[in-house]
Every structure is written in structure tokens, then in C-alpha cells.
């Protein structure tokens, strides 16, 4: 199954409505960001699909989901990697981490978990390296601490200063390509 086919299938298998606040579930088909509280959003489906296609996640991979929010992207990633893979979702806002973890648990994919992010360190160095890293919030500059958490040839997709970047870790550092302009909520980088 190709990357695009996996993403399309994941969208069918993991309904967005299950990851929205109850009062917003009727808007799940809306192709735009939906507020989930604390100034955070459940990202626009078209944008999520674009990011997942750029990330090119494969079954069996280890994936880090930074800015997991309501848990929807964590669940989509978990569906793609399957039970032979693993996904760790991180969220900095405690009540959203609880909400997202509950949504993810209800989705029934125990090879994925969503937890409160470390308030000091970005990512999960104690669980690295990862095959793929998805970041669903926007820093002003590329966080090299996340690049270092990629396995060799690993891929990260991250919006930086309004541009979607695809970062591939290489033997000599990393290669970056740009894939359009996007707007995201800011990446929370401190407690």
C-alpha cells in the first residue's frame, strides 16, 4: 500500500469527531482547524493529510508526535504503524494531555500512548531514536534537539516560521526541503 493509500485509509479508520470536544463533534467534517481549548486546535484535515504524506510513515516504525493535543494525529499515526510499531504523543498542556490520552485509549491502539510532555526538554530523548517525528505546532526556528532524536535516515515534518519543512537526518547532519506555507499554533517550548 502506498503512502497516500495509508493516509487515506487512516482517515477512514480514525474519525476526527472522536477527538474533538463534545460541543465541536458536529463540525468534524469542516476542513479547518477546530478549537480544543487552551488556545490550541485540532488541525485542518487537509493539512494533517499533507503532513502525513510528507512524513511517509511505514508499518512497524517508531514515531514521536509532538503537540499531540486531542490525540487525533497520534491515533492516525498509530493506525499507520500498526501493532508492530509504536507512537508516543506528547502534549505540554496538562488538561489536553489528559483529554488526548482518553481519546487515544478509546481508539483501542495500545501500541500508542499520549502523555504530558517534559516541561523543560523538547521531545523524548529517553525514548529516541525515532524513525519519524511529526510536530503539529510552530517554532520560530528548527529545533535541532528534535533532529538529533531521529534515527539515521529518519524524517521529521515540522512547520517552522510559516513554512512546512521535511527534515531528513543524514550522516553529515540533515537535509531540509520546504513544502508550502502553513499557519499553526505556536510550539510551547518552556513550562
Protein backbone atom coordinates (compact mmCIF):
# COMPACT_ATOMS: atom_id res chain seq x y z
CA UNK A 1 0.00 0.00 0.00
CA UNK A 2 1.45 3.40 -0.97
CA UNK A 3 1.92 6.30 1.42
CA UNK A 4 -1.14 8.13 0.10
CA UNK A 5 -3.25 4.97 0.41
CA UNK A 6 -2.17 4.51 4.05
CA UNK A 7 -3.09 8.10 4.89
CA UNK A 8 -6.49 7.87 3.21
CA UNK A 9 -7.20 4.57 4.95
CA UNK A 10 -6.13 6.01 8.32
CA UNK A 11 -8.53 8.93 7.89
CA UNK A 12 -11.39 6.49 7.27
CA UNK A 13 -10.42 4.29 10.23
CA UNK A 14 -9.83 7.10 12.78
CA UNK A 15 -12.78 9.55 12.73
CA UNK A 16 -11.85 13.11 13.68
CA UNK A 17 -15.12 13.53 15.61
CA UNK A 18 -13.90 11.11 18.29
CA UNK A 19 -11.05 13.51 19.09
CA UNK A 20 -13.00 16.75 19.37
CA UNK A 21 -14.70 18.27 22.42
CA UNK A 22 -18.35 17.09 22.57
CA UNK A 23 -19.69 20.51 21.51
CA UNK A 24 -17.50 20.51 18.39
CA UNK A 25 -18.06 16.95 17.13
CA UNK A 26 -20.76 18.03 14.70
CA UNK A 27 -18.11 20.13 12.91
CA UNK A 28 -15.71 17.21 12.32
CA UNK A 29 -16.13 17.37 8.52
CA UNK A 30 -15.09 21.04 8.49
CA UNK A 31 -11.77 21.35 6.64
CA UNK A 32 -10.28 23.87 9.01
CA UNK A 33 -8.77 23.98 12.49
CA UNK A 34 -11.18 23.49 15.40
CA UNK A 35 -10.52 24.89 18.87
CA UNK A 36 -9.93 22.27 21.56
CA UNK A 37 -9.24 24.68 24.43
CA UNK A 38 -6.25 26.49 25.94
CA UNK A 39 -5.60 28.32 22.66
CA UNK A 40 -4.88 25.02 20.89
CA UNK A 41 -6.58 23.47 17.84
CA UNK A 42 -7.31 20.16 16.18
CA UNK A 43 -5.56 20.83 12.86
CA UNK A 44 -7.21 21.18 9.47
CA UNK A 45 -7.67 17.68 7.97
CA UNK A 46 -6.15 18.67 4.61
CA UNK A 47 -3.05 19.95 6.42
CA UNK A 48 -2.79 16.81 8.55
CA UNK A 49 -3.03 14.66 5.40
CA UNK A 50 -0.32 16.75 3.70
CA UNK A 51 1.96 16.36 6.73
CA UNK A 52 1.39 12.61 7.00
CA UNK A 53 2.16 12.14 3.30
CA UNK A 54 5.38 14.12 3.67
CA UNK A 55 6.29 12.08 6.74
CA UNK A 56 5.86 8.80 4.79
CA UNK A 57 5.20 6.68 7.88
CA UNK A 58 5.51 2.91 7.40
CA UNK A 59 4.19 -0.08 9.34
CA UNK A 60 6.45 -1.08 12.22
CA UNK A 61 8.11 2.30 12.69
CA UNK A 62 8.70 4.20 15.94
CA UNK A 63 7.09 7.64 15.78
CA UNK A 64 7.09 10.72 18.02
CA UNK A 65 4.09 13.08 17.80
CA UNK A 66 4.94 16.49 19.31
CA UNK A 67 1.98 18.75 20.08
CA UNK A 68 -0.44 15.82 20.16
CA UNK A 69 -3.37 17.86 21.54
CA UNK A 70 -6.59 15.87 21.30
CA UNK A 71 -4.76 12.71 20.21
CA UNK A 72 -6.09 12.57 16.64
CA UNK A 73 -2.70 12.69 14.91
CA UNK A 74 -1.30 10.20 17.42
CA UNK A 75 -4.14 7.80 16.57
CA UNK A 76 -3.71 8.32 12.81
CA UNK A 77 0.00 7.58 13.15
CA UNK A 78 -0.76 4.52 15.31
CA UNK A 79 -3.16 3.15 12.71
CA UNK A 80 -0.47 3.53 10.03
CA UNK A 81 2.40 1.93 12.02
CA UNK A 82 0.15 -0.89 13.25
CA UNK A 83 0.72 -3.07 16.32
CA UNK A 84 4.29 -3.89 15.27
CA UNK A 85 5.18 -0.18 15.58
CA UNK A 86 4.85 2.38 18.35
CA UNK A 87 3.78 6.00 18.69
CA UNK A 88 4.48 8.38 21.54
CA UNK A 89 2.33 11.52 21.61
CA UNK A 90 3.48 14.45 23.72
CA UNK A 91 1.38 17.42 24.83
CA UNK A 92 2.52 20.36 27.01
CA UNK A 93 -0.94 21.42 28.29
CA UNK A 94 -1.89 19.04 31.13
CA UNK A 95 -5.67 19.04 30.61
CA UNK A 96 -5.23 18.50 26.86
CA UNK A 97 -2.79 15.64 27.53
CA UNK A 98 -5.48 14.01 29.72
CA UNK A 99 -8.17 14.62 27.07
CA UNK A 100 -5.94 13.29 24.29
CA UNK A 101 -4.86 10.23 26.29
CA UNK A 102 -8.50 9.34 26.99
CA UNK A 103 -9.41 9.76 23.31
CA UNK A 104 -6.46 7.62 22.26
CA UNK A 105 -7.32 4.89 24.80
CA UNK A 106 -10.87 4.79 23.43
CA UNK A 107 -9.46 4.26 19.93
CA UNK A 108 -8.07 0.89 21.07
CA UNK A 109 -4.48 1.02 19.83
CA UNK A 110 -2.34 0.06 22.85
CA UNK A 111 0.91 0.43 20.87
CA UNK A 112 0.35 4.20 21.07
CA UNK A 113 0.29 6.43 24.11
CA UNK A 114 -0.11 10.13 24.76
CA UNK A 115 1.46 11.73 27.79
CA UNK A 116 2.30 15.08 29.30
CA UNK A 117 5.50 16.44 27.75
CA UNK A 118 8.54 17.23 29.84
CA UNK A 119 8.23 20.94 30.72
CA UNK A 120 11.97 21.51 30.19
CA UNK A 121 13.12 19.27 27.31
CA UNK A 122 11.64 19.21 23.81
CA UNK A 123 10.76 15.74 22.56
CA UNK A 124 11.61 12.48 24.29
CA UNK A 125 15.35 11.91 24.31
CA UNK A 126 14.96 8.96 26.69
CA UNK A 127 12.87 7.14 24.02
CA UNK A 128 14.93 8.17 20.98
CA UNK A 129 15.85 7.43 18.29
CA UNK A 130 12.65 7.66 16.26
CA UNK A 131 12.05 6.72 12.63
CA UNK A 132 9.64 9.62 12.22
CA UNK A 133 8.76 12.79 14.14
CA UNK A 134 5.62 14.84 13.48
CA UNK A 135 5.37 18.32 15.01
CA UNK A 136 1.93 19.96 14.98
CA UNK A 137 2.91 23.36 16.39
CA UNK A 138 5.16 26.05 15.01
CA UNK A 139 8.55 27.13 16.38
CA UNK A 140 10.38 30.17 15.01
CA UNK A 141 13.49 28.14 14.17
CA UNK A 142 14.21 24.48 13.50
CA UNK A 143 14.73 22.75 16.89
CA UNK A 144 17.96 20.81 16.44
CA UNK A 145 17.26 18.88 19.65
CA UNK A 146 14.40 17.16 17.77
CA UNK A 147 16.55 16.49 14.69
CA UNK A 148 19.02 14.72 17.00
CA UNK A 149 16.22 12.40 18.16
CA UNK A 150 15.84 10.98 14.64
CA UNK A 151 17.41 7.68 13.62
CA UNK A 152 19.79 7.85 10.63
CA UNK A 153 17.64 8.47 7.52
CA UNK A 154 14.76 9.37 9.87
CA UNK A 155 12.26 12.02 8.80
CA UNK A 156 10.65 14.91 10.66
CA UNK A 157 7.86 17.11 9.34
CA UNK A 158 7.52 20.44 11.14
CA UNK A 159 6.09 23.89 10.41
CA UNK A 160 8.81 26.50 11.04
CA UNK A 161 8.20 30.25 10.68
CA UNK A 162 5.22 29.68 8.36
CA UNK A 163 6.87 27.08 6.10
CA UNK A 164 6.36 23.31 6.20
CA UNK A 165 9.73 21.59 6.41
CA UNK A 166 10.67 17.99 5.74
CA UNK A 167 13.90 17.22 7.56
CA UNK A 168 15.88 14.04 6.81
CA UNK A 169 18.70 13.08 9.15
CA UNK A 170 21.87 12.20 7.26
CA UNK A 171 25.37 11.05 8.16
CA UNK A 172 26.64 14.60 7.84
CA UNK A 173 23.72 16.30 9.65
CA UNK A 174 20.38 16.81 7.96
CA UNK A 175 18.75 17.87 4.70
CA UNK A 176 15.77 20.22 4.68
CA UNK A 177 13.19 20.76 1.95
CA UNK A 178 10.30 23.25 2.03
CA UNK A 179 6.73 22.23 1.16
CA UNK A 180 4.45 25.26 1.16
CA UNK A 181 3.22 27.82 3.66
CA UNK A 182 1.04 26.97 6.66
CA UNK A 183 -0.17 28.54 9.90
CA UNK A 184 -0.04 26.70 13.21
CA UNK A 185 -0.38 27.48 16.88
CA UNK A 186 3.00 28.33 18.45
CA UNK A 187 5.15 25.49 19.78
CA UNK A 188 5.26 25.74 23.57
CA UNK A 189 8.95 25.42 24.36
CA UNK A 190 9.01 26.05 28.07
CA UNK A 191 6.92 25.19 31.11
